[in-house]
Amino acid sequence: MCEHCHEEEYNAVILNLEDQDLECGVITIFEMDGQDYIALFPMDENGEPASDDVYLYRYHDDGDEPEIEYIDDEDELNAASDCFDEWLDEQEFLDSDE
């Protein structure tokens, strides 16, 4: 189900929301059931996390310009969230080994 996450060279993306553009940092890109997903955090003007919020989107990179897509299916979003939580647990485990 949840495949290994992989880090990308992207530092930040701009989310075009209805009322504003929001700069977000990339936490990771991961695969689940053959679909890539991206985990983002909102950044403040200094490039620091603006909150503890994490945004999950479908991620597509066909070689041109990468695209993100809103997840409107609650079951898919919950599964992607669980997969991201597994990745976070792995990171905490790896950090404790150091």
PDB file of N, CA and C in Angstrom:
ATOM      1  N   MET A   1       0.819  -1.184   0.000  1.00  0.00           N
ATOM      2  CA  MET A   1       0.000   0.000   0.000  1.00  0.00           C
ATOM      3  C   MET A   1       0.868   1.255   0.000  1.00  0.00           C
ATOM      4  N   CYS A   2       1.495   1.560   1.119  1.00  0.00           N
ATOM      5  CA  CYS A   2       2.339   2.751   1.212  1.00  0.00           C
ATOM      6  C   CYS A   2       3.759   2.383   0.799  1.00  0.00           C
ATOM      7  N   GLU A   3       4.221   2.989  -0.244  1.00  0.00           N
ATOM      8  CA  GLU A   3       5.575   2.724  -0.726  1.00  0.00           C
ATOM      9  C   GLU A   3       6.547   3.661  -0.028  1.00  0.00           C
ATOM     10  N   HIS A   4       7.813   3.386  -0.231  1.00  0.00           N
ATOM     11  CA  HIS A   4       8.843   4.232   0.379  1.00  0.00           C
ATOM     12  C   HIS A   4       8.703   5.672  -0.095  1.00  0.00           C
ATOM     13  N   CYS A   5       8.868   6.555   0.842  1.00  0.00           N
ATOM     14  CA  CYS A   5       8.865   7.971   0.516  1.00  0.00           C
ATOM     15  C   CYS A   5      10.217   8.329  -0.072  1.00  0.00           C
ATOM     16  N   HIS A   6      10.237   9.363  -0.872  1.00  0.00           N
ATOM     17  CA  HIS A   6      11.508   9.804  -1.422  1.00  0.00           C
ATOM     18  C   HIS A   6      11.577  11.318  -1.383  1.00  0.00           C
ATOM     19  N   GLU A   7      12.748  11.784  -1.065  1.00  0.00           N
ATOM     20  CA  GLU A   7      12.969  13.218  -0.994  1.00  0.00           C
ATOM     21  C   GLU A   7      13.191  13.752  -2.405  1.00  0.00           C
ATOM     22  N   GLU A   8      12.753  14.939  -2.647  1.00  0.00           N
ATOM     23  CA  GLU A   8      12.932  15.591  -3.932  1.00  0.00           C
ATOM     24  C   GLU A   8      13.766  16.854  -3.742  1.00  0.00           C
ATOM     25  N   GLU A   9      14.164  17.433  -4.835  1.00  0.00           N
ATOM     26  CA  GLU A   9      14.992  18.638  -4.800  1.00  0.00           C
ATOM     27  C   GLU A   9      14.158  19.913  -4.708  1.00  0.00           C
ATOM     28  N   TYR A  10      12.850  19.807  -4.557  1.00  0.00           N
ATOM     29  CA  TYR A  10      11.994  20.977  -4.494  1.00  0.00           C
ATOM     30  C   TYR A  10      11.979  21.499  -3.066  1.00  0.00           C
ATOM     31  N   ASN A  11      12.254  22.770  -2.897  1.00  0.00           N
ATOM     32  CA  ASN A  11      12.260  23.362  -1.567  1.00  0.00           C
ATOM     33  C   ASN A  11      10.906  23.922  -1.185  1.00  0.00           C
ATOM     34  N   ALA A  12      10.213  24.532  -2.137  1.00  0.00           N
ATOM     35  CA  ALA A  12       8.946  25.185  -1.836  1.00  0.00           C
ATOM     36  C   ALA A  12       8.059  25.200  -3.074  1.00  0.00           C
ATOM     37  N   VAL A  13       6.758  25.300  -2.816  1.00  0.00           N
ATOM     38  CA  VAL A  13       5.772  25.460  -3.877  1.00  0.00           C
ATOM     39  C   VAL A  13       4.809  26.560  -3.446  1.00  0.00           C
ATOM     40  N   ILE A  14       4.139  27.150  -4.398  1.00  0.00           N
ATOM     41  CA  ILE A  14       3.126  28.162  -4.129  1.00  0.00           C
ATOM     42  C   ILE A  14       1.758  27.541  -4.381  1.00  0.00           C
ATOM     43  N   LEU A  15       0.921  27.523  -3.357  1.00  0.00           N
ATOM     44  CA  LEU A  15      -0.457  27.065  -3.514  1.00  0.00           C
ATOM     45  C   LEU A  15      -1.307  28.269  -3.877  1.00  0.00           C
ATOM     46  N   ASN A  16      -2.038  28.172  -4.964  1.00  0.00           N
ATOM     47  CA  ASN A  16      -2.943  29.240  -5.382  1.00  0.00           C
ATOM     48  C   ASN A  16      -4.325  28.949  -4.796  1.00  0.00           C
ATOM     49  N   LEU A  17      -4.587  29.524  -3.633  1.00  0.00           N
ATOM     50  CA  LEU A  17      -5.862  29.352  -2.961  1.00  0.00           C
ATOM     51  C   LEU A  17      -6.825  30.428  -3.435  1.00  0.00           C
ATOM     52  N   GLU A  18      -8.094  30.274  -3.114  1.00  0.00           N
ATOM     53  CA  GLU A  18      -9.110  31.222  -3.596  1.00  0.00           C
ATOM     54  C   GLU A  18      -8.808  32.660  -3.210  1.00  0.00           C
ATOM     55  N   ASP A  19      -8.374  32.873  -1.968  1.00  0.00           N
ATOM     56  CA  ASP A  19      -8.201  34.243  -1.487  1.00  0.00           C
ATOM     57  C   ASP A  19      -6.745  34.673  -1.334  1.00  0.00           C
ATOM     58  N   GLN A  20      -5.798  33.769  -1.608  1.00  0.00           N
ATOM     59  CA  GLN A  20      -4.391  34.126  -1.435  1.00  0.00           C
ATOM     60  C   GLN A  20      -3.478  33.091  -2.078  1.00  0.00           C
ATOM     61  N   ASP A  21      -2.245  33.463  -2.257  1.00  0.00           N
ATOM     62  CA  ASP A  21      -1.189  32.525  -2.625  1.00  0.00           C
ATOM     63  C   ASP A  21      -0.439  32.192  -1.348  1.00  0.00           C
ATOM     64  N   LEU A  22      -0.176  30.914  -1.129  1.00  0.00           N
ATOM     65  CA  LEU A  22       0.455  30.465   0.106  1.00  0.00           C
ATOM     66  C   LEU A  22       1.728  29.702  -0.240  1.00  0.00           C
ATOM     67  N   GLU A  23       2.865  30.191   0.255  1.00  0.00           N
ATOM     68  CA  GLU A  23       4.123  29.498   0.039  1.00  0.00           C
ATOM     69  C   GLU A  23       4.230  28.360   1.045  1.00  0.00           C
ATOM     70  N   CYS A  24       4.544  27.166   0.519  1.00  0.00           N
ATOM     71  CA  CYS A  24       4.636  25.973   1.359  1.00  0.00           C
ATOM     72  C   CYS A  24       5.969  25.274   1.129  1.00  0.00           C
ATOM     73  N   GLY A  25       6.517  24.748   2.198  1.00  0.00           N
ATOM     74  CA  GLY A  25       7.713  23.930   2.113  1.00  0.00           C
ATOM     75  C   GLY A  25       7.330  22.487   1.840  1.00  0.00           C
ATOM     76  N   VAL A  26       8.188  21.788   1.120  1.00  0.00           N
ATOM     77  CA  VAL A  26       7.955  20.385   0.804  1.00  0.00           C
ATOM     78  C   VAL A  26       8.555  19.537   1.922  1.00  0.00           C
ATOM     79  N   ILE A  27       7.724  18.708   2.538  1.00  0.00           N
ATOM     80  CA  ILE A  27       8.198  17.778   3.556  1.00  0.00           C
ATOM     81  C   ILE A  27       8.735  16.532   2.879  1.00  0.00           C
ATOM     82  N   THR A  28       7.928  15.928   2.030  1.00  0.00           N
ATOM     83  CA  THR A  28       8.325  14.725   1.299  1.00  0.00           C
ATOM     84  C   THR A  28       7.332  14.452   0.181  1.00  0.00           C
ATOM     85  N   ILE A  29       7.737  13.593  -0.724  1.00  0.00           N
ATOM     86  CA  ILE A  29       6.873  13.050  -1.767  1.00  0.00           C
ATOM     87  C   ILE A  29       6.888  11.545  -1.568  1.00  0.00           C
ATOM     88  N   PHE A  30       5.709  10.940  -1.544  1.00  0.00           N
ATOM     89  CA  PHE A  30       5.625   9.505  -1.299  1.00  0.00           C
ATOM     90  C   PHE A  30       4.639   8.856  -2.258  1.00  0.00           C
ATOM     91  N   GLU A  31       4.774   7.550  -2.387  1.00  0.00           N
ATOM     92  CA  GLU A  31       3.907   6.795  -3.283  1.00  0.00           C
ATOM     93  C   GLU A  31       2.990   5.890  -2.474  1.00  0.00           C
ATOM     94  N   MET A  32       1.742   5.817  -2.918  1.00  0.00           N
ATOM     95  CA  MET A  32       0.772   4.911  -2.314  1.00  0.00           C
ATOM     96  C   MET A  32      -0.106   4.367  -3.440  1.00  0.00           C
ATOM     97  N   ASP A  33      -0.150   3.059  -3.565  1.00  0.00           N
ATOM     98  CA  ASP A  33      -0.989   2.407  -4.581  1.00  0.00           C
ATOM     99  C   ASP A  33      -0.729   2.949  -5.987  1.00  0.00           C
ATOM    100  N   GLY A  34       0.529   3.201  -6.314  1.00  0.00           N
ATOM    101  CA  GLY A  34       0.888   3.648  -7.655  1.00  0.00           C
ATOM    102  C   GLY A  34       0.688   5.130  -7.922  1.00  0.00           C
ATOM    103  N   GLN A  35       0.221   5.884  -6.937  1.00  0.00           N
ATOM    104  CA  GLN A  35       0.004   7.328  -7.073  1.00  0.00           C
ATOM    105  C   GLN A  35       0.979   8.054  -6.163  1.00  0.00           C
ATOM    106  N   ASP A  36       1.609   9.122  -6.673  1.00  0.00           N
ATOM    107  CA  ASP A  36       2.482   9.951  -5.849  1.00  0.00           C
ATOM    108  C   ASP A  36       1.656  11.002  -5.120  1.00  0.00           C
ATOM    109  N   TYR A  37       2.109  11.319  -3.906  1.00  0.00           N
ATOM    110  CA  TYR A  37       1.499  12.353  -3.071  1.00  0.00           C
ATOM    111  C   TYR A  37       2.610  13.250  -2.556  1.00  0.00           C
ATOM    112  N   ILE A  38       2.234  14.485  -2.225  1.00  0.00           N
ATOM    113  CA  ILE A  38       3.198  15.436  -1.686  1.00  0.00           C
ATOM    114  C   ILE A  38       2.659  15.970  -0.360  1.00  0.00           C
ATOM    115  N   ALA A  39       3.541  16.071   0.626  1.00  0.00           N
ATOM    116  CA  ALA A  39       3.199  16.626   1.933  1.00  0.00           C
ATOM    117  C   ALA A  39       3.861  17.993   2.047  1.00  0.00           C
ATOM    118  N   LEU A  40       3.067  19.007   2.364  1.00  0.00           N
ATOM    119  CA  LEU A  40       3.538  20.392   2.423  1.00  0.00           C
ATOM    120  C   LEU A  40       3.230  21.003   3.779  1.00  0.00           C
ATOM    121  N   PHE A  41       4.024  22.005   4.164  1.00  0.00           N
ATOM    122  CA  PHE A  41       3.724  22.794   5.357  1.00  0.00           C
ATOM    123  C   PHE A  41       3.721  24.268   4.980  1.00  0.00           C
ATOM    124  N   PRO A  42       2.778  25.058   5.546  1.00  0.00           N
ATOM    125  CA  PRO A  42       2.747  26.493   5.247  1.00  0.00           C
ATOM    126  C   PRO A  42       3.963  27.182   5.864  1.00  0.00           C
ATOM    127  N   MET A  43       4.543  28.117   5.105  1.00  0.00           N
ATOM    128  CA  MET A  43       5.739  28.831   5.567  1.00  0.00           C
ATOM    129  C   MET A  43       5.396  30.293   5.851  1.00  0.00           C
ATOM    130  N   ASP A  44       6.111  30.865   6.827  1.00  0.00           N
ATOM    131  CA  ASP A  44       5.972  32.292   7.082  1.00  0.00           C
ATOM    132  C   ASP A  44       6.928  33.056   6.169  1.00  0.00           C
ATOM    133  N   GLU A  45       7.007  34.364   6.348  1.00  0.00           N
ATOM    134  CA  GLU A  45       7.848  35.196   5.474  1.00  0.00           C
ATOM    135  C   GLU A  45       9.335  34.902   5.616  1.00  0.00           C
ATOM    136  N   ASN A  46       9.733  34.204   6.697  1.00  0.00           N
ATOM    137  CA  ASN A  46      11.139  33.847   6.900  1.00  0.00           C
ATOM    138  C   ASN A  46      11.473  32.436   6.434  1.00  0.00           C
ATOM    139  N   GLY A  47      10.499  31.770   5.812  1.00  0.00           N
ATOM    140  CA  GLY A  47      10.726  30.411   5.344  1.00  0.00           C
ATOM    141  C   GLY A  47      10.620  29.367   6.432  1.00  0.00           C
ATOM    142  N   GLU A  48      10.080  29.746   7.579  1.00  0.00           N
ATOM    143  CA  GLU A  48       9.894  28.840   8.709  1.00  0.00           C
ATOM    144  C   GLU A  48       8.453  28.329   8.710  1.00  0.00           C
ATOM    145  N   PRO A  49       8.216  27.184   9.356  1.00  0.00           N
ATOM    146  CA  PRO A  49       6.824  26.696   9.451  1.00  0.00           C
ATOM    147  C   PRO A  49       5.931  27.730  10.119  1.00  0.00           C
ATOM    148  N   ALA A  50       4.804  28.034   9.483  1.00  0.00           N
ATOM    149  CA  ALA A  50       3.864  29.017  10.023  1.00  0.00           C
ATOM    150  C   ALA A  50       2.898  28.381  11.013  1.00  0.00           C
ATOM    151  N   SER A  51       2.766  27.059  10.958  1.00  0.00           N
ATOM    152  CA  SER A  51       1.883  26.333  11.873  1.00  0.00           C
ATOM    153  C   SER A  51       2.273  24.857  11.842  1.00  0.00           C
ATOM    154  N   ASP A  52       1.543  24.051  12.590  1.00  0.00           N
ATOM    155  CA  ASP A  52       1.782  22.610  12.586  1.00  0.00           C
ATOM    156  C   ASP A  52       0.980  21.906  11.497  1.00  0.00           C
ATOM    157  N   ASP A  53       0.271  22.670  10.669  1.00  0.00           N
ATOM    158  CA  ASP A  53      -0.560  22.085   9.618  1.00  0.00           C
ATOM    159  C   ASP A  53       0.299  21.384   8.565  1.00  0.00           C
ATOM    160  N   VAL A  54      -0.246  20.296   8.035  1.00  0.00           N
ATOM    161  CA  VAL A  54       0.359  19.587   6.911  1.00  0.00           C
ATOM    162  C   VAL A  54      -0.716  19.442   5.846  1.00  0.00           C
ATOM    163  N   TYR A  55      -0.375  19.785   4.616  1.00  0.00           N
ATOM    164  CA  TYR A  55      -1.301  19.677   3.495  1.00  0.00           C
ATOM    165  C   TYR A  55      -0.860  18.522   2.617  1.00  0.00           C
ATOM    166  N   LEU A  56      -1.794  17.654   2.267  1.00  0.00           N
ATOM    167  CA  LEU A  56      -1.512  16.521   1.395  1.00  0.00           C
ATOM    168  C   LEU A  56      -2.245  16.711   0.071  1.00  0.00           C
ATOM    169  N   TYR A  57      -1.518  16.483  -1.022  1.00  0.00           N
ATOM    170  CA  TYR A  57      -2.074  16.598  -2.366  1.00  0.00           C
ATOM    171  C   TYR A  57      -1.562  15.438  -3.219  1.00  0.00           C
ATOM    172  N   ARG A  58      -2.321  15.113  -4.265  1.00  0.00           N
ATOM    173  CA  ARG A  58      -1.794  14.211  -5.284  1.00  0.00           C
ATOM    174  C   ARG A  58      -0.683  14.968  -6.007  1.00  0.00           C
ATOM    175  N   TYR A  59       0.328  14.234  -6.435  1.00  0.00           N
ATOM    176  CA  TYR A  59       1.487  14.841  -7.086  1.00  0.00           C
ATOM    177  C   TYR A  59       1.712  14.148  -8.426  1.00  0.00           C
ATOM    178  N   HIS A  60       1.887  14.939  -9.483  1.00  0.00           N
ATOM    179  CA  HIS A  60       2.139  14.413 -10.826  1.00  0.00           C
ATOM    180  C   HIS A  60       3.387  15.088 -11.391  1.00  0.00           C
ATOM    181  N   ASP A  61       4.303  14.293 -11.882  1.00  0.00           N
ATOM    182  CA  ASP A  61       5.502  14.834 -12.537  1.00  0.00           C
ATOM    183  C   ASP A  61       5.735  14.024 -13.801  1.00  0.00           C
ATOM    184  N   ASP A  62       5.240  14.560 -14.921  1.00  0.00           N
ATOM    185  CA  ASP A  62       5.365  13.857 -16.195  1.00  0.00           C
ATOM    186  C   ASP A  62       6.580  14.309 -16.994  1.00  0.00           C
ATOM    187  N   GLY A  63       7.489  14.994 -16.341  1.00  0.00           N
ATOM    188  CA  GLY A  63       8.700  15.445 -17.017  1.00  0.00           C
ATOM    189  C   GLY A  63       8.654  16.909 -17.403  1.00  0.00           C
ATOM    190  N   ASP A  64       7.468  17.473 -17.550  1.00  0.00           N
ATOM    191  CA  ASP A  64       7.352  18.901 -17.837  1.00  0.00           C
ATOM    192  C   ASP A  64       7.409  19.653 -16.517  1.00  0.00           C
ATOM    193  N   GLU A  65       6.320  20.245 -16.142  1.00  0.00           N
ATOM    194  CA  GLU A  65       6.267  20.949 -14.867  1.00  0.00           C
ATOM    195  C   GLU A  65       5.440  20.125 -13.879  1.00  0.00           C
ATOM    196  N   PRO A  66       5.969  19.848 -12.684  1.00  0.00           N
ATOM    197  CA  PRO A  66       5.209  19.077 -11.699  1.00  0.00           C
ATOM    198  C   PRO A  66       3.892  19.774 -11.359  1.00  0.00           C
ATOM    199  N   GLU A  67       2.872  18.963 -11.072  1.00  0.00           N
ATOM    200  CA  GLU A  67       1.565  19.499 -10.716  1.00  0.00           C
ATOM    201  C   GLU A  67       1.085  18.843  -9.432  1.00  0.00           C
ATOM    202  N   ILE A  68       0.307  19.598  -8.653  1.00  0.00           N
ATOM    203  CA  ILE A  68      -0.349  19.022  -7.486  1.00  0.00           C
ATOM    204  C   ILE A  68      -1.851  19.128  -7.701  1.00  0.00           C
ATOM    205  N   GLU A  69      -2.568  18.181  -7.093  1.00  0.00           N
ATOM    206  CA  GLU A  69      -4.011  18.096  -7.301  1.00  0.00           C
ATOM    207  C   GLU A  69      -4.705  17.866  -5.957  1.00  0.00           C
ATOM    208  N   TYR A  70      -5.744  18.622  -5.708  1.00  0.00           N
ATOM    209  CA  TYR A  70      -6.527  18.515  -4.483  1.00  0.00           C
ATOM    210  C   TYR A  70      -7.121  17.106  -4.373  1.00  0.00           C
ATOM    211  N   ILE A  71      -7.133  16.540  -3.173  1.00  0.00           N
ATOM    212  CA  ILE A  71      -7.727  15.222  -2.926  1.00  0.00           C
ATOM    213  C   ILE A  71      -9.124  15.455  -2.378  1.00  0.00           C
ATOM    214  N   ASP A  72     -10.150  15.158  -3.177  1.00  0.00           N
ATOM    215  CA  ASP A  72     -11.518  15.404  -2.732  1.00  0.00           C
ATOM    216  C   ASP A  72     -12.217  14.156  -2.209  1.00  0.00           C
ATOM    217  N   ASP A  73     -11.565  13.004  -2.301  1.00  0.00           N
ATOM    218  CA  ASP A  73     -12.128  11.755  -1.795  1.00  0.00           C
ATOM    219  C   ASP A  73     -11.641  11.532  -0.361  1.00  0.00           C
ATOM    220  N   GLU A  74     -12.567  11.477   0.587  1.00  0.00           N
ATOM    221  CA  GLU A  74     -12.201  11.375   2.000  1.00  0.00           C
ATOM    222  C   GLU A  74     -11.433  10.093   2.315  1.00  0.00           C
ATOM    223  N   ASP A  75     -11.827   8.969   1.707  1.00  0.00           N
ATOM    224  CA  ASP A  75     -11.126   7.708   1.944  1.00  0.00           C
ATOM    225  C   ASP A  75      -9.689   7.769   1.438  1.00  0.00           C
ATOM    226  N   GLU A  76      -9.493   8.354   0.263  1.00  0.00           N
ATOM    227  CA  GLU A  76      -8.145   8.497  -0.292  1.00  0.00           C
ATOM    228  C   GLU A  76      -7.304   9.413   0.591  1.00  0.00           C
ATOM    229  N   LEU A  77      -7.891  10.508   1.042  1.00  0.00           N
ATOM    230  CA  LEU A  77      -7.165  11.446   1.902  1.00  0.00           C
ATOM    231  C   LEU A  77      -6.774  10.770   3.215  1.00  0.00           C
ATOM    232  N   ASN A  78      -7.683   9.996   3.797  1.00  0.00           N
ATOM    233  CA  ASN A  78      -7.370   9.295   5.040  1.00  0.00           C
ATOM    234  C   ASN A  78      -6.256   8.277   4.838  1.00  0.00           C
ATOM    235  N   ALA A  79      -6.282   7.549   3.721  1.00  0.00           N
ATOM    236  CA  ALA A  79      -5.234   6.571   3.428  1.00  0.00           C
ATOM    237  C   ALA A  79      -3.888   7.270   3.221  1.00  0.00           C
ATOM    238  N   ALA A  80      -3.893   8.397   2.492  1.00  0.00           N
ATOM    239  CA  ALA A  80      -2.651   9.146   2.275  1.00  0.00           C
ATOM    240  C   ALA A  80      -2.124   9.697   3.597  1.00  0.00           C
ATOM    241  N   SER A  81      -3.029  10.142   4.455  1.00  0.00           N
ATOM    242  CA  SER A  81      -2.634  10.651   5.767  1.00  0.00           C
ATOM    243  C   SER A  81      -2.005   9.543   6.606  1.00  0.00           C
ATOM    244  N   ASP A  82      -2.590   8.345   6.574  1.00  0.00           N
ATOM    245  CA  ASP A  82      -2.022   7.204   7.302  1.00  0.00           C
ATOM    246  C   ASP A  82      -0.633   6.865   6.780  1.00  0.00           C
ATOM    247  N   CYS A  83      -0.473   6.897   5.471  1.00  0.00           N
ATOM    248  CA  CYS A  83       0.823   6.598   4.849  1.00  0.00           C
ATOM    249  C   CYS A  83       1.857   7.643   5.269  1.00  0.00           C
ATOM    250  N   PHE A  84       1.469   8.913   5.266  1.00  0.00           N
ATOM    251  CA  PHE A  84       2.371   9.979   5.703  1.00  0.00           C
ATOM    252  C   PHE A  84       2.742   9.794   7.167  1.00  0.00           C
ATOM    253  N   ASP A  85       1.772   9.413   8.009  1.00  0.00           N
ATOM    254  CA  ASP A  85       2.055   9.159   9.426  1.00  0.00           C
ATOM    255  C   ASP A  85       3.075   8.031   9.595  1.00  0.00           C
ATOM    256  N   GLU A  86       2.974   6.981   8.753  1.00  0.00           N
ATOM    257  CA  GLU A  86       3.961   5.897   8.783  1.00  0.00           C
ATOM    258  C   GLU A  86       5.347   6.448   8.473  1.00  0.00           C
ATOM    259  N   TRP A  87       5.433   7.338   7.491  1.00  0.00           N
ATOM    260  CA  TRP A  87       6.707   7.943   7.125  1.00  0.00           C
ATOM    261  C   TRP A  87       7.264   8.741   8.303  1.00  0.00           C
ATOM    262  N   LEU A  88       6.393   9.520   8.974  1.00  0.00           N
ATOM    263  CA  LEU A  88       6.842  10.291  10.136  1.00  0.00           C
ATOM    264  C   LEU A  88       7.379   9.371  11.226  1.00  0.00           C
ATOM    265  N   ASP A  89       6.689   8.264  11.463  1.00  0.00           N
ATOM    266  CA  ASP A  89       7.150   7.305  12.466  1.00  0.00           C
ATOM    267  C   ASP A  89       8.523   6.756  12.104  1.00  0.00           C
ATOM    268  N   GLU A  90       8.725   6.456  10.812  1.00  0.00           N
ATOM    269  CA  GLU A  90      10.032   5.971  10.346  1.00  0.00           C
ATOM    270  C   GLU A  90      11.115   7.007  10.594  1.00  0.00           C
ATOM    271  N   GLN A  91      10.802   8.274  10.341  1.00  0.00           N
ATOM    272  CA  GLN A  91      11.789   9.337  10.535  1.00  0.00           C
ATOM    273  C   GLN A  91      12.171   9.467  12.000  1.00  0.00           C
ATOM    274  N   GLU A  92      11.195   9.364  12.882  1.00  0.00           N
ATOM    275  CA  GLU A  92      11.475   9.437  14.310  1.00  0.00           C
ATOM    276  C   GLU A  92      12.350   8.257  14.738  1.00  0.00           C
ATOM    277  N   PHE A  93      12.075   7.057  14.183  1.00  0.00           N
ATOM    278  CA  PHE A  93      12.869   5.887  14.488  1.00  0.00           C
ATOM    279  C   PHE A  93      14.305   6.066  13.995  1.00  0.00           C
ATOM    280  N   LEU A  94      14.442   6.585  12.777  1.00  0.00           N
ATOM    281  CA  LEU A  94      15.780   6.795  12.234  1.00  0.00           C
ATOM    282  C   LEU A  94      16.546   7.844  13.043  1.00  0.00           C
ATOM    283  N   ASP A  95      15.849   8.898  13.456  1.00  0.00           N
ATOM    284  CA  ASP A  95      16.494   9.938  14.263  1.00  0.00           C
ATOM    285  C   ASP A  95      16.936   9.395  15.621  1.00  0.00           C
ATOM    286  N   SER A  96      16.181   8.450  16.177  1.00  0.00           N
ATOM    287  CA  SER A  96      16.552   7.901  17.478  1.00  0.00           C
ATOM    288  C   SER A  96      17.771   6.982  17.395  1.00  0.00           C
ATOM    289  N   ASP A  97      18.078   6.478  16.199  1.00  0.00           N
ATOM    290  CA  ASP A  97      19.248   5.627  15.998  1.00  0.00           C
ATOM    291  C   ASP A  97      20.543   6.414  15.937  1.00  0.00           C
ATOM    292  N   GLU A  98      20.448   7.712  15.690  1.00  0.00           N
ATOM    293  CA  GLU A  98      21.662   8.522  15.517  1.00  0.00           C
ATOM    294  C   GLU A  98      22.286   8.912  16.815  1.00  0.00           C
TER     295      GLU A  98
END
